[in-house]
PDB file of N, CA and C in Angstrom:
ATOM      1  N   MET A   1       1.200  -0.709   0.079  1.00  0.00           N
ATOM      2  CA  MET A   1       0.398   0.006   0.017  1.00  0.00           C
ATOM      3  C   MET A   1       1.369   1.422  -0.138  1.00  0.00           C
ATOM      4  N   GLU A   2       0.979   1.838  -1.155  1.00  0.00           N
ATOM      5  CA  GLU A   2       1.020   3.247  -0.872  1.00  0.00           C
ATOM      6  C   GLU A   2       0.215   4.517  -0.894  1.00  0.00           C
ATOM      7  N   VAL A   3       1.199   5.547   0.056  1.00  0.00           N
ATOM      8  CA  VAL A   3       0.333   5.944   0.769  1.00  0.00           C
ATOM      9  C   VAL A   3       0.782   7.780   0.588  1.00  0.00           C
ATOM     10  N   LYS A   4      -0.014   8.411  -0.141  1.00  0.00           N
ATOM     11  CA  LYS A   4       0.531   9.837   0.142  1.00  0.00           C
ATOM     12  C   LYS A   4      -0.635  10.691  -0.026  1.00  0.00           C
ATOM     13  N   SER A   5       0.212  11.766   0.928  1.00  0.00           N
ATOM     14  CA  SER A   5      -0.823  12.633   1.715  1.00  0.00           C
ATOM     15  C   SER A   5      -2.589  14.263   0.186  1.00  0.00           C
ATOM     16  N   PHE A   6      -0.589  14.036  -0.402  1.00  0.00           N
ATOM     17  CA  PHE A   6      -0.849  15.469  -1.290  1.00  0.00           C
ATOM     18  C   PHE A   6      -2.000  16.608  -0.440  1.00  0.00           C
ATOM     19  N   LEU A   7      -2.101  16.725   1.247  1.00  0.00           N
ATOM     20  CA  LEU A   7      -3.382  17.654   1.111  1.00  0.00           C
ATOM     21  C   LEU A   7      -2.542  19.065   1.133  1.00  0.00           C
ATOM     22  N   ASP A   8      -0.737  19.276   0.124  1.00  0.00           N
ATOM     23  CA  ASP A   8      -1.027  21.145   0.184  1.00  0.00           C
ATOM     24  C   ASP A   8      -1.238  20.967  -1.012  1.00  0.00           C
ATOM     25  N   SER A   9      -1.087  19.638  -2.182  1.00  0.00           N
ATOM     26  CA  SER A   9      -0.845  20.041  -3.262  1.00  0.00           C
ATOM     27  C   SER A   9      -3.044  20.127  -3.927  1.00  0.00           C
ATOM     28  N   PRO A  10      -2.809  19.798  -4.999  1.00  0.00           N
ATOM     29  CA  PRO A  10      -4.176  19.255  -6.444  1.00  0.00           C
ATOM     30  C   PRO A  10      -5.110  18.257  -6.077  1.00  0.00           C
ATOM     31  N   GLY A  11      -3.382  16.739  -5.492  1.00  0.00           N
ATOM     32  CA  GLY A  11      -3.948  15.837  -5.549  1.00  0.00           C
ATOM     33  C   GLY A  11      -3.233  14.988  -6.274  1.00  0.00           C
ATOM     34  N   VAL A  12      -3.563  13.728  -6.356  1.00  0.00           N
ATOM     35  CA  VAL A  12      -2.770  12.306  -7.497  1.00  0.00           C
ATOM     36  C   VAL A  12      -4.041  12.743  -8.522  1.00  0.00           C
ATOM     37  N   ARG A  13      -2.820  13.288  -9.476  1.00  0.00           N
ATOM     38  CA  ARG A  13      -3.588  12.937 -11.028  1.00  0.00           C
ATOM     39  C   ARG A  13      -4.071  11.303 -11.152  1.00  0.00           C
ATOM     40  N   VAL A  14      -4.633  10.839 -11.820  1.00  0.00           N
ATOM     41  CA  VAL A  14      -4.707   9.857 -12.746  1.00  0.00           C
ATOM     42  C   VAL A  14      -3.845   9.612 -13.471  1.00  0.00           C
ATOM     43  N   GLY A  15      -4.130  10.846 -14.172  1.00  0.00           N
ATOM     44  CA  GLY A  15      -2.553  10.327 -15.896  1.00  0.00           C
ATOM     45  C   GLY A  15      -1.500  10.270 -15.214  1.00  0.00           C
ATOM     46  N   HIS A  16      -0.765   9.936 -14.314  1.00  0.00           N
ATOM     47  CA  HIS A  16       0.487   9.898 -13.811  1.00  0.00           C
ATOM     48  C   HIS A  16       0.601   7.842 -13.933  1.00  0.00           C
ATOM     49  N   LEU A  17      -0.610   7.894 -12.808  1.00  0.00           N
ATOM     50  CA  LEU A  17      -0.787   6.820 -12.568  1.00  0.00           C
ATOM     51  C   LEU A  17      -1.394   5.353 -14.366  1.00  0.00           C
ATOM     52  N   GLN A  18      -2.161   5.660 -14.989  1.00  0.00           N
ATOM     53  CA  GLN A  18      -2.252   5.540 -16.191  1.00  0.00           C
ATOM     54  C   GLN A  18      -1.041   4.858 -17.832  1.00  0.00           C
ATOM     55  N   LYS A  19      -0.035   6.037 -16.961  1.00  0.00           N
ATOM     56  CA  LYS A  19       1.552   5.651 -17.842  1.00  0.00           C
ATOM     57  C   LYS A  19       1.917   5.155 -17.958  1.00  0.00           C
ATOM     58  N   GLU A  20       2.846   3.683 -18.409  1.00  0.00           N
ATOM     59  CA  GLU A  20       3.443   2.718 -18.659  1.00  0.00           C
ATOM     60  C   GLU A  20       4.740   2.455 -18.909  1.00  0.00           C
ATOM     61  N   PHE A  21       5.514   2.609 -18.102  1.00  0.00           N
ATOM     62  CA  PHE A  21       7.209   2.637 -18.423  1.00  0.00           C
ATOM     63  C   PHE A  21       7.639   1.302 -18.837  1.00  0.00           C
ATOM     64  N   ASP A  22       8.878   1.113 -19.938  1.00  0.00           N
ATOM     65  CA  ASP A  22       9.766   0.143 -19.625  1.00  0.00           C
ATOM     66  C   ASP A  22      10.552  -0.473 -18.581  1.00  0.00           C
ATOM     67  N   ILE A  23      11.151   1.193 -17.962  1.00  0.00           N
ATOM     68  CA  ILE A  23      12.268   1.173 -16.873  1.00  0.00           C
ATOM     69  C   ILE A  23      11.522   2.385 -16.474  1.00  0.00           C
ATOM     70  N   ALA A  24      11.389   2.173 -14.726  1.00  0.00           N
ATOM     71  CA  ALA A  24      10.991   2.660 -13.805  1.00  0.00           C
ATOM     72  C   ALA A  24      11.412   4.462 -14.021  1.00  0.00           C
ATOM     73  N   THR A  25      10.368   5.043 -13.709  1.00  0.00           N
ATOM     74  CA  THR A  25      10.129   5.987 -13.758  1.00  0.00           C
ATOM     75  C   THR A  25       9.633   7.228 -13.144  1.00  0.00           C
ATOM     76  N   GLY A  26       9.744   7.694 -12.693  1.00  0.00           N
ATOM     77  CA  GLY A  26       8.374   8.792 -11.586  1.00  0.00           C
ATOM     78  C   GLY A  26       8.043   8.327 -10.304  1.00  0.00           C
ATOM     79  N   GLY A  27       7.217   9.057  -9.712  1.00  0.00           N
ATOM     80  CA  GLY A  27       6.235   8.772  -8.588  1.00  0.00           C
ATOM     81  C   GLY A  27       5.936   7.291  -8.437  1.00  0.00           C
ATOM     82  N   TYR A  28       4.922   6.175  -9.391  1.00  0.00           N
ATOM     83  CA  TYR A  28       4.611   5.314  -9.238  1.00  0.00           C
ATOM     84  C   TYR A  28       5.195   4.952 -10.223  1.00  0.00           C
ATOM     85  N   LYS A  29       6.536   3.868  -9.433  1.00  0.00           N
ATOM     86  CA  LYS A  29       7.221   3.378 -10.201  1.00  0.00           C
ATOM     87  C   LYS A  29       6.068   1.968  -9.706  1.00  0.00           C
ATOM     88  N   LEU A  30       6.182   1.910  -8.683  1.00  0.00           N
ATOM     89  CA  LEU A  30       5.240  -0.267  -9.326  1.00  0.00           C
ATOM     90  C   LEU A  30       3.693   0.498  -9.020  1.00  0.00           C
ATOM     91  N   PHE A  31       3.835   0.795  -9.924  1.00  0.00           N
ATOM     92  CA  PHE A  31       2.574   1.175 -10.140  1.00  0.00           C
ATOM     93  C   PHE A  31       2.304   1.062 -12.324  1.00  0.00           C
ATOM     94  N   THR A  32       3.891   1.872 -12.799  1.00  0.00           N
ATOM     95  CA  THR A  32       3.271   2.258 -13.937  1.00  0.00           C
ATOM     96  C   THR A  32       4.678   1.518 -14.231  1.00  0.00           C
ATOM     97  N   CYS A  33       5.054   0.577 -13.553  1.00  0.00           N
ATOM     98  CA  CYS A  33       6.448   0.053 -14.635  1.00  0.00           C
ATOM     99  C   CYS A  33       6.836  -1.772 -14.301  1.00  0.00           C
ATOM    100  N   ARG A  34       5.755  -2.659 -14.967  1.00  0.00           N
ATOM    101  CA  ARG A  34       5.477  -4.285 -14.678  1.00  0.00           C
ATOM    102  C   ARG A  34       6.649  -4.922 -14.319  1.00  0.00           C
ATOM    103  N   LEU A  35       8.325  -4.488 -15.432  1.00  0.00           N
ATOM    104  CA  LEU A  35       9.169  -4.981 -14.789  1.00  0.00           C
ATOM    105  C   LEU A  35       9.518  -4.776 -13.726  1.00  0.00           C
ATOM    106  N   TYR A  36       9.903  -3.297 -13.010  1.00  0.00           N
ATOM    107  CA  TYR A  36      10.055  -3.262 -11.793  1.00  0.00           C
ATOM    108  C   TYR A  36       9.105  -3.575 -10.668  1.00  0.00           C
ATOM    109  N   ARG A  37       8.159  -3.882 -10.558  1.00  0.00           N
ATOM    110  CA  ARG A  37       6.584  -3.893 -10.162  1.00  0.00           C
ATOM    111  C   ARG A  37       7.149  -5.833  -9.706  1.00  0.00           C
ATOM    112  N   GLU A  38       7.294  -6.395 -10.891  1.00  0.00           N
ATOM    113  CA  GLU A  38       7.571  -7.707 -10.743  1.00  0.00           C
ATOM    114  C   GLU A  38       8.966  -8.163  -9.702  1.00  0.00           C
ATOM    115  N   ILE A  39      10.173  -7.768 -10.329  1.00  0.00           N
ATOM    116  CA  ILE A  39      11.412  -7.931 -10.228  1.00  0.00           C
ATOM    117  C   ILE A  39      11.309  -7.780  -8.346  1.00  0.00           C
ATOM    118  N   VAL A  40      10.408  -6.852  -8.189  1.00  0.00           N
ATOM    119  CA  VAL A  40      10.243  -5.739  -6.658  1.00  0.00           C
ATOM    120  C   VAL A  40       9.846  -6.767  -6.036  1.00  0.00           C
ATOM    121  N   LEU A  41       8.370  -6.764  -6.188  1.00  0.00           N
ATOM    122  CA  LEU A  41       7.403  -7.686  -5.588  1.00  0.00           C
ATOM    123  C   LEU A  41       8.285  -9.056  -5.322  1.00  0.00           C
ATOM    124  N   GLU A  42       8.660  -9.533  -6.617  1.00  0.00           N
ATOM    125  CA  GLU A  42       9.327 -11.600  -6.413  1.00  0.00           C
ATOM    126  C   GLU A  42      10.573 -10.972  -5.160  1.00  0.00           C
ATOM    127  N   ARG A  43      11.351 -10.487  -5.438  1.00  0.00           N
ATOM    128  CA  ARG A  43      12.353 -10.502  -4.062  1.00  0.00           C
ATOM    129  C   ARG A  43      11.905  -9.503  -2.714  1.00  0.00           C
ATOM    130  N   LEU A  44      10.648  -9.345  -2.364  1.00  0.00           N
ATOM    131  CA  LEU A  44       9.998  -9.050  -0.938  1.00  0.00           C
ATOM    132  C   LEU A  44       9.592 -10.505  -0.411  1.00  0.00           C
ATOM    133  N   VAL A  45       8.383 -10.641  -1.794  1.00  0.00           N
ATOM    134  CA  VAL A  45       8.271 -12.699  -1.198  1.00  0.00           C
ATOM    135  C   VAL A  45       9.649 -13.964  -0.796  1.00  0.00           C
ATOM    136  N   ASN A  46      10.964 -13.312  -1.973  1.00  0.00           N
ATOM    137  CA  ASN A  46      11.905 -14.614  -1.527  1.00  0.00           C
ATOM    138  C   ASN A  46      12.380 -14.038   0.206  1.00  0.00           C
ATOM    139  N   GLN A  47      12.548 -12.947  -0.148  1.00  0.00           N
ATOM    140  CA  GLN A  47      13.538 -12.155   1.582  1.00  0.00           C
ATOM    141  C   GLN A  47      11.392 -12.439   1.916  1.00  0.00           C
ATOM    142  N   LEU A  48      11.063 -12.922   2.240  1.00  0.00           N
ATOM    143  CA  LEU A  48       9.843 -13.099   3.145  1.00  0.00           C
ATOM    144  C   LEU A  48       9.913 -14.516   3.556  1.00  0.00           C
ATOM    145  N   LYS A  49       9.903 -15.272   2.703  1.00  0.00           N
ATOM    146  CA  LYS A  49       9.958 -16.587   2.808  1.00  0.00           C
ATOM    147  C   LYS A  49      11.418 -16.781   4.030  1.00  0.00           C
ATOM    148  N   ALA A  50      12.510 -16.548   3.330  1.00  0.00           N
ATOM    149  CA  ALA A  50      13.985 -16.704   3.808  1.00  0.00           C
ATOM    150  C   ALA A  50      14.076 -15.977   5.287  1.00  0.00           C
ATOM    151  N   THR A  51      12.966 -15.431   5.918  1.00  0.00           N
ATOM    152  CA  THR A  51      12.875 -15.033   6.682  1.00  0.00           C
ATOM    153  C   THR A  51      11.756 -16.133   8.243  1.00  0.00           C
ATOM    154  N   GLY A  52      11.155 -16.756   7.237  1.00  0.00           N
ATOM    155  CA  GLY A  52      10.287 -17.682   7.422  1.00  0.00           C
ATOM    156  C   GLY A  52       8.484 -17.239   8.340  1.00  0.00           C
ATOM    157  N   MET A  53       8.999 -15.987   7.570  1.00  0.00           N
ATOM    158  CA  MET A  53       7.899 -14.811   7.660  1.00  0.00           C
ATOM    159  C   MET A  53       6.556 -15.355   6.364  1.00  0.00           C
ATOM    160  N   LEU A  54       6.597 -15.715   5.760  1.00  0.00           N
ATOM    161  CA  LEU A  54       5.581 -16.778   4.556  1.00  0.00           C
ATOM    162  C   LEU A  54       6.021 -18.027   4.118  1.00  0.00           C
ATOM    163  N   LEU A  55       5.106 -18.595   4.522  1.00  0.00           N
ATOM    164  CA  LEU A  55       4.846 -20.385   3.391  1.00  0.00           C
ATOM    165  C   LEU A  55       5.094 -20.735   2.480  1.00  0.00           C
ATOM    166  N   THR A  56       3.359 -19.455   2.210  1.00  0.00           N
ATOM    167  CA  THR A  56       3.776 -20.103   0.623  1.00  0.00           C
ATOM    168  C   THR A  56       3.610 -18.607   0.017  1.00  0.00           C
ATOM    169  N   ASP A  57       3.132 -19.330  -1.404  1.00  0.00           N
ATOM    170  CA  ASP A  57       2.931 -17.329  -1.887  1.00  0.00           C
ATOM    171  C   ASP A  57       1.658 -16.919  -2.236  1.00  0.00           C
ATOM    172  N   PRO A  58       2.344 -15.916  -2.524  1.00  0.00           N
ATOM    173  CA  PRO A  58       0.907 -15.090  -1.499  1.00  0.00           C
ATOM    174  C   PRO A  58      -0.096 -14.016  -3.408  1.00  0.00           C
ATOM    175  N   ASP A  59      -0.892 -13.970  -3.287  1.00  0.00           N
ATOM    176  CA  ASP A  59      -1.538 -12.930  -3.702  1.00  0.00           C
ATOM    177  C   ASP A  59      -1.516 -11.596  -3.342  1.00  0.00           C
ATOM    178  N   ILE A  60      -1.089 -11.250  -4.501  1.00  0.00           N
ATOM    179  CA  ILE A  60      -0.445  -9.572  -3.779  1.00  0.00           C
ATOM    180  C   ILE A  60      -1.149  -8.544  -4.774  1.00  0.00           C
ATOM    181  N   GLN A  61      -2.129  -7.461  -4.050  1.00  0.00           N
ATOM    182  CA  GLN A  61      -2.198  -6.378  -4.917  1.00  0.00           C
ATOM    183  C   GLN A  61      -1.766  -4.918  -4.499  1.00  0.00           C
ATOM    184  N   LEU A  62      -1.210  -4.468  -5.159  1.00  0.00           N
ATOM    185  CA  LEU A  62      -1.256  -3.137  -4.898  1.00  0.00           C
ATOM    186  C   LEU A  62      -2.366  -1.806  -4.725  1.00  0.00           C
ATOM    187  N   GLY A  63      -1.935  -1.360  -4.101  1.00  0.00           N
ATOM    188  CA  GLY A  63      -2.974  -0.403  -2.868  1.00  0.00           C
ATOM    189  C   GLY A  63      -2.159   1.001  -2.816  1.00  0.00           C
ATOM    190  N   LEU A  64      -3.103   2.155  -2.816  1.00  0.00           N
ATOM    191  CA  LEU A  64      -2.706   3.634  -3.636  1.00  0.00           C
ATOM    192  C   LEU A  64      -4.030   4.214  -2.125  1.00  0.00           C
ATOM    193  N   ALA A  65      -3.362   4.447  -0.718  1.00  0.00           N
ATOM    194  CA  ALA A  65      -4.413   5.215  -0.179  1.00  0.00           C
ATOM    195  C   ALA A  65      -3.509   7.317   0.308  1.00  0.00           C
ATOM    196  N   ALA A  66      -4.722   7.771  -0.471  1.00  0.00           N
ATOM    197  CA  ALA A  66      -4.401   9.310  -1.430  1.00  0.00           C
ATOM    198  C   ALA A  66      -5.456  10.536  -0.896  1.00  0.00           C
ATOM    199  N   GLY A  67      -4.695  10.928   0.049  1.00  0.00           N
ATOM    200  CA  GLY A  67      -5.378  12.180   1.079  1.00  0.00           C
ATOM    201  C   GLY A  67      -5.570  13.333  -0.300  1.00  0.00           C
ATOM    202  N   ARG A  68      -5.683  12.934  -1.019  1.00  0.00           N
ATOM    203  CA  ARG A  68      -6.346  14.280  -2.194  1.00  0.00           C
ATOM    204  C   ARG A  68      -5.732  13.638  -3.497  1.00  0.00           C
ATOM    205  N   ILE A  69      -6.958  13.538  -3.434  1.00  0.00           N
ATOM    206  CA  ILE A  69      -6.906  12.979  -5.104  1.00  0.00           C
ATOM    207  C   ILE A  69      -7.376  14.250  -6.224  1.00  0.00           C
ATOM    208  N   TYR A  70      -7.202  14.559  -7.812  1.00  0.00           N
ATOM    209  CA  TYR A  70      -6.739  15.797  -8.546  1.00  0.00           C
ATOM    210  C   TYR A  70      -8.174  16.060  -9.083  1.00  0.00           C
ATOM    211  N   ARG A  71      -8.432  17.164  -8.429  1.00  0.00           N
ATOM    212  CA  ARG A  71     -10.158  18.053  -8.650  1.00  0.00           C
ATOM    213  C   ARG A  71     -11.260  15.907  -8.675  1.00  0.00           C
ATOM    214  N   ASN A  72     -11.825  16.232 -10.118  1.00  0.00           N
ATOM    215  CA  ASN A  72     -13.275  15.426 -10.052  1.00  0.00           C
ATOM    216  C   ASN A  72     -12.633  13.752 -10.427  1.00  0.00           C
ATOM    217  N   GLN A  73     -11.569  13.961 -10.227  1.00  0.00           N
ATOM    218  CA  GLN A  73     -10.813  12.147 -11.130  1.00  0.00           C
ATOM    219  C   GLN A  73     -11.315  10.735 -10.182  1.00  0.00           C
ATOM    220  N   THR A  74     -11.692  10.749  -9.068  1.00  0.00           N
ATOM    221  CA  THR A  74     -11.783   9.909  -8.151  1.00  0.00           C
ATOM    222  C   THR A  74     -12.525   8.704  -8.935  1.00  0.00           C
ATOM    223  N   THR A  75     -13.447   9.023  -9.421  1.00  0.00           N
ATOM    224  CA  THR A  75     -14.343   8.592 -10.646  1.00  0.00           C
ATOM    225  C   THR A  75     -13.693   7.981 -11.232  1.00  0.00           C
ATOM    226  N   GLU A  76     -12.564   8.515 -12.045  1.00  0.00           N
ATOM    227  CA  GLU A  76     -11.761   7.836 -12.995  1.00  0.00           C
ATOM    228  C   GLU A  76     -10.595   6.863 -12.965  1.00  0.00           C
ATOM    229  N   MET A  77     -10.842   7.653 -11.482  1.00  0.00           N
ATOM    230  CA  MET A  77      -9.141   6.475 -10.718  1.00  0.00           C
ATOM    231  C   MET A  77      -9.373   5.485 -10.269  1.00  0.00           C
ATOM    232  N   SER A  78     -11.269   5.052  -9.649  1.00  0.00           N
ATOM    233  CA  SER A  78     -11.165   3.937  -9.138  1.00  0.00           C
ATOM    234  C   SER A  78     -11.709   2.938 -10.815  1.00  0.00           C
ATOM    235  N   ASP A  79     -11.564   3.295 -11.798  1.00  0.00           N
ATOM    236  CA  ASP A  79     -12.225   2.534 -13.030  1.00  0.00           C
ATOM    237  C   ASP A  79     -10.731   1.791 -13.698  1.00  0.00           C
ATOM    238  N   LEU A  80      -9.383   2.561 -12.883  1.00  0.00           N
ATOM    239  CA  LEU A  80      -8.283   2.488 -14.086  1.00  0.00           C
ATOM    240  C   LEU A  80      -8.141   1.615 -12.841  1.00  0.00           C
ATOM    241  N   PHE A  81      -8.341   1.048 -11.448  1.00  0.00           N
ATOM    242  CA  PHE A  81      -7.802   0.506 -10.395  1.00  0.00           C
ATOM    243  C   PHE A  81      -8.705  -0.883 -10.664  1.00  0.00           C
ATOM    244  N   LYS A  82      -9.747  -0.894 -10.826  1.00  0.00           N
ATOM    245  CA  LYS A  82     -10.810  -1.966 -10.451  1.00  0.00           C
ATOM    246  C   LYS A  82      -9.755  -2.568 -12.111  1.00  0.00           C
ATOM    247  N   GLN A  83     -10.013  -2.002 -12.944  1.00  0.00           N
ATOM    248  CA  GLN A  83      -9.294  -2.557 -14.531  1.00  0.00           C
ATOM    249  C   GLN A  83      -7.991  -3.259 -13.768  1.00  0.00           C
ATOM    250  N   ARG A  84      -6.572  -3.263 -13.274  1.00  0.00           N
ATOM    251  CA  ARG A  84      -5.819  -3.976 -12.632  1.00  0.00           C
ATOM    252  C   ARG A  84      -5.728  -4.194 -11.974  1.00  0.00           C
ATOM    253  N   ASN A  85      -7.020  -4.172 -10.428  1.00  0.00           N
ATOM    254  CA  ASN A  85      -6.863  -5.089  -9.829  1.00  0.00           C
ATOM    255  C   ASN A  85      -6.689  -4.637  -8.892  1.00  0.00           C
ATOM    256  N   TRP A  86      -5.898  -3.178  -8.705  1.00  0.00           N
ATOM    257  CA  TRP A  86      -5.420  -2.275  -7.716  1.00  0.00           C
ATOM    258  C   TRP A  86      -6.095  -2.143  -6.388  1.00  0.00           C
ATOM    259  N   LEU A  87      -5.775  -1.606  -5.235  1.00  0.00           N
ATOM    260  CA  LEU A  87      -7.209  -1.448  -3.797  1.00  0.00           C
ATOM    261  C   LEU A  87      -6.905   0.648  -4.515  1.00  0.00           C
ATOM    262  N   LEU A  88      -7.674   1.092  -4.278  1.00  0.00           N
ATOM    263  CA  LEU A  88      -7.714   2.470  -3.737  1.00  0.00           C
ATOM    264  C   LEU A  88      -8.433   2.259  -2.767  1.00  0.00           C
ATOM    265  N   TRP A  89      -7.370   3.589  -2.202  1.00  0.00           N
ATOM    266  CA  TRP A  89      -7.960   4.034  -1.329  1.00  0.00           C
ATOM    267  C   TRP A  89      -8.671   5.617  -1.145  1.00  0.00           C
ATOM    268  N   PRO A  90      -9.724   6.117  -1.815  1.00  0.00           N
ATOM    269  CA  PRO A  90      -9.801   7.527  -1.525  1.00  0.00           C
ATOM    270  C   PRO A  90     -10.306   8.206   0.086  1.00  0.00           C
ATOM    271  N   PRO A  91      -9.957   9.922   0.181  1.00  0.00           N
ATOM    272  CA  PRO A  91      -9.778   9.818   0.928  1.00  0.00           C
ATOM    273  C   PRO A  91     -11.293  10.137   2.168  1.00  0.00           C
ATOM    274  N   GLU A  92     -12.055   9.623   1.236  1.00  0.00           N
ATOM    275  CA  GLU A  92     -13.970   9.160   2.015  1.00  0.00           C
ATOM    276  C   GLU A  92     -12.913   8.031   2.307  1.00  0.00           C
ATOM    277  N   VAL A  93     -12.574   6.341   1.580  1.00  0.00           N
ATOM    278  CA  VAL A  93     -12.330   5.880   2.828  1.00  0.00           C
ATOM    279  C   VAL A  93     -11.383   5.724   3.756  1.00  0.00           C
ATOM    280  N   ILE A  94     -10.465   6.608   4.015  1.00  0.00           N
ATOM    281  CA  ILE A  94      -9.668   7.104   4.186  1.00  0.00           C
ATOM    282  C   ILE A  94      -9.985   7.660   5.853  1.00  0.00           C
ATOM    283  N   ALA A  95     -11.445   8.371   5.561  1.00  0.00           N
ATOM    284  CA  ALA A  95     -11.642   8.551   6.913  1.00  0.00           C
ATOM    285  C   ALA A  95     -13.437   8.018   7.205  1.00  0.00           C
ATOM    286  N   GLU A  96     -13.377   6.703   6.433  1.00  0.00           N
ATOM    287  CA  GLU A  96     -14.584   5.820   7.226  1.00  0.00           C
ATOM    288  C   GLU A  96     -13.958   4.563   8.019  1.00  0.00           C
ATOM    289  N   LYS A  97     -12.079   3.692   7.519  1.00  0.00           N
ATOM    290  CA  LYS A  97     -11.245   3.401   8.299  1.00  0.00           C
ATOM    291  C   LYS A  97     -10.958   4.050   9.660  1.00  0.00           C
ATOM    292  N   LEU A  98     -10.946   5.297  10.006  1.00  0.00           N
ATOM    293  CA  LEU A  98     -10.014   6.393   9.897  1.00  0.00           C
ATOM    294  C   LEU A  98     -11.699   6.528  12.264  1.00  0.00           C
ATOM    295  N   ARG A  99     -12.439   6.047  11.673  1.00  0.00           N
ATOM    296  CA  ARG A  99     -13.434   6.142  12.177  1.00  0.00           C
ATOM    297  C   ARG A  99     -13.688   5.208  12.857  1.00  0.00           C
ATOM    298  N   ALA A 100     -13.879   4.176  12.408  1.00  0.00           N
ATOM    299  CA  ALA A 100     -13.941   2.197  12.399  1.00  0.00           C
ATOM    300  C   ALA A 100     -12.698   2.251  13.570  1.00  0.00           C
ATOM    301  N   ILE A 101     -11.115   2.893  13.123  1.00  0.00           N
ATOM    302  CA  ILE A 101     -11.389   2.547  13.371  1.00  0.00           C
ATOM    303  C   ILE A 101     -10.952   2.784  15.490  1.00  0.00           C
ATOM    304  N   ALA A 102     -11.296   4.202  15.979  1.00  0.00           N
ATOM    305  CA  ALA A 102     -11.520   5.119  16.348  1.00  0.00           C
ATOM    306  C   ALA A 102     -13.117   4.601  17.726  1.00  0.00           C
ATOM    307  N   LEU A 103     -13.580   4.394  16.926  1.00  0.00           N
ATOM    308  CA  LEU A 103     -14.814   2.573  17.605  1.00  0.00           C
ATOM    309  C   LEU A 103     -14.318   1.425  18.168  1.00  0.00           C
ATOM    310  N   THR A 104     -12.652   0.867  18.219  1.00  0.00           N
ATOM    311  CA  THR A 104     -12.495   0.122  18.501  1.00  0.00           C
ATOM    312  C   THR A 104     -11.622  -0.162  19.876  1.00  0.00           C
ATOM    313  N   GLY A 105     -11.469  -0.997  20.160  1.00  0.00           N
ATOM    314  CA  GLY A 105     -11.217  -1.087  22.789  1.00  0.00           C
ATOM    315  C   GLY A 105      -9.728  -0.102  22.600  1.00  0.00           C
ATOM    316  N   TYR A 106      -9.149  -0.374  23.401  1.00  0.00           N
ATOM    317  CA  TYR A 106      -7.320   0.599  23.995  1.00  0.00           C
ATOM    318  C   TYR A 106      -6.579  -0.082  23.489  1.00  0.00           C
ATOM    319  N   ALA A 107      -5.763   0.162  22.576  1.00  0.00           N
ATOM    320  CA  ALA A 107      -4.560  -0.223  22.157  1.00  0.00           C
ATOM    321  C   ALA A 107      -4.098   1.240  22.805  1.00  0.00           C
ATOM    322  N   ASN A 108      -2.606   0.861  23.525  1.00  0.00           N
ATOM    323  CA  ASN A 108      -2.329   1.083  23.334  1.00  0.00           C
ATOM    324  C   ASN A 108      -0.728   1.569  21.981  1.00  0.00           C
ATOM    325  N   ASP A 109      -1.447   2.325  21.202  1.00  0.00           N
ATOM    326  CA  ASP A 109      -0.600   2.434  19.719  1.00  0.00           C
ATOM    327  C   ASP A 109      -1.158   3.990  19.504  1.00  0.00           C
ATOM    328  N   PRO A 110      -0.342   4.955  18.990  1.00  0.00           N
ATOM    329  CA  PRO A 110      -0.099   6.042  18.446  1.00  0.00           C
ATOM    330  C   PRO A 110      -1.724   6.981  17.311  1.00  0.00           C
ATOM    331  N   PHE A 111      -1.522   5.165  16.457  1.00  0.00           N
ATOM    332  CA  PHE A 111      -2.466   6.008  15.123  1.00  0.00           C
ATOM    333  C   PHE A 111      -3.921   5.729  16.138  1.00  0.00           C
ATOM    334  N   ILE A 112      -3.532   4.745  17.199  1.00  0.00           N
ATOM    335  CA  ILE A 112      -5.298   4.415  17.571  1.00  0.00           C
ATOM    336  C   ILE A 112      -5.854   5.496  18.222  1.00  0.00           C
ATOM    337  N   MET A 113      -5.211   6.031  19.279  1.00  0.00           N
ATOM    338  CA  MET A 113      -4.985   6.946  20.261  1.00  0.00           C
ATOM    339  C   MET A 113      -5.391   8.915  18.888  1.00  0.00           C
ATOM    340  N   ALA A 114      -5.004   9.234  17.859  1.00  0.00           N
ATOM    341  CA  ALA A 114      -5.655  10.372  17.574  1.00  0.00           C
ATOM    342  C   ALA A 114      -6.644   9.854  16.889  1.00  0.00           C
ATOM    343  N   ALA A 115      -7.218   8.674  15.828  1.00  0.00           N
ATOM    344  CA  ALA A 115      -8.193   8.467  15.643  1.00  0.00           C
ATOM    345  C   ALA A 115      -8.963   8.833  16.596  1.00  0.00           C
ATOM    346  N   LYS A 116      -8.915   8.088  18.286  1.00  0.00           N
ATOM    347  CA  LYS A 116     -10.385   8.122  19.207  1.00  0.00           C
ATOM    348  C   LYS A 116      -9.797  10.136  19.476  1.00  0.00           C
ATOM    349  N   VAL A 117      -8.886  10.685  19.941  1.00  0.00           N
ATOM    350  CA  VAL A 117      -8.873  12.449  19.632  1.00  0.00           C
ATOM    351  C   VAL A 117     -10.242  12.556  19.370  1.00  0.00           C
ATOM    352  N   LEU A 118      -9.379  12.642  17.240  1.00  0.00           N
ATOM    353  CA  LEU A 118     -10.380  13.367  16.417  1.00  0.00           C
ATOM    354  C   LEU A 118     -11.517  13.421  16.914  1.00  0.00           C
ATOM    355  N   ARG A 119     -12.299  11.473  17.056  1.00  0.00           N
ATOM    356  CA  ARG A 119     -13.931  11.181  17.243  1.00  0.00           C
ATOM    357  C   ARG A 119     -14.251  12.230  18.582  1.00  0.00           C
ATOM    358  N   LEU A 120     -13.867  12.214  19.387  1.00  0.00           N
ATOM    359  CA  LEU A 120     -14.119  13.354  20.544  1.00  0.00           C
ATOM    360  C   LEU A 120     -14.047  14.849  20.112  1.00  0.00           C
ATOM    361  N   SER A 121     -13.063  14.891  19.446  1.00  0.00           N
ATOM    362  CA  SER A 121     -12.745  16.386  18.599  1.00  0.00           C
ATOM    363  C   SER A 121     -13.998  17.037  17.818  1.00  0.00           C
ATOM    364  N   THR A 122     -14.512  16.374  17.147  1.00  0.00           N
ATOM    365  CA  THR A 122     -15.098  16.108  16.287  1.00  0.00           C
ATOM    366  C   THR A 122     -16.367  16.789  16.123  1.00  0.00           C
ATOM    367  N   PRO A 123     -17.307  17.454  16.151  1.00  0.00           N
ATOM    368  CA  PRO A 123     -18.907  17.647  16.172  1.00  0.00           C
ATOM    369  C   PRO A 123     -19.361  16.367  15.712  1.00  0.00           C
TER     370      PRO A 123
END
């Protein structure tokens, strides 16, 4: 899961993720270069197997959590991600996940604590 806040910018642009390169280029290399993606994911799986953290070959799905998506491109971005079997968390989904985390029980975790504080301070 790649995380891009883009909170102080116009947001993630669907055009940047639609591109395909033979050589890894730009900020979304795993999404835009098939060869690079295959090498990185194969090495990750091999490393996890070597450390005993993985026993079988997993089904891997790329994902992007985006704090902001450029203009009104959420539908177009969602369509692209569905077409390529990727997972997209636009701002609305991130907010939904934070609300769900805020309702969980106690955990000594700064992220859960932050979600709970946001929930308590939001009218």
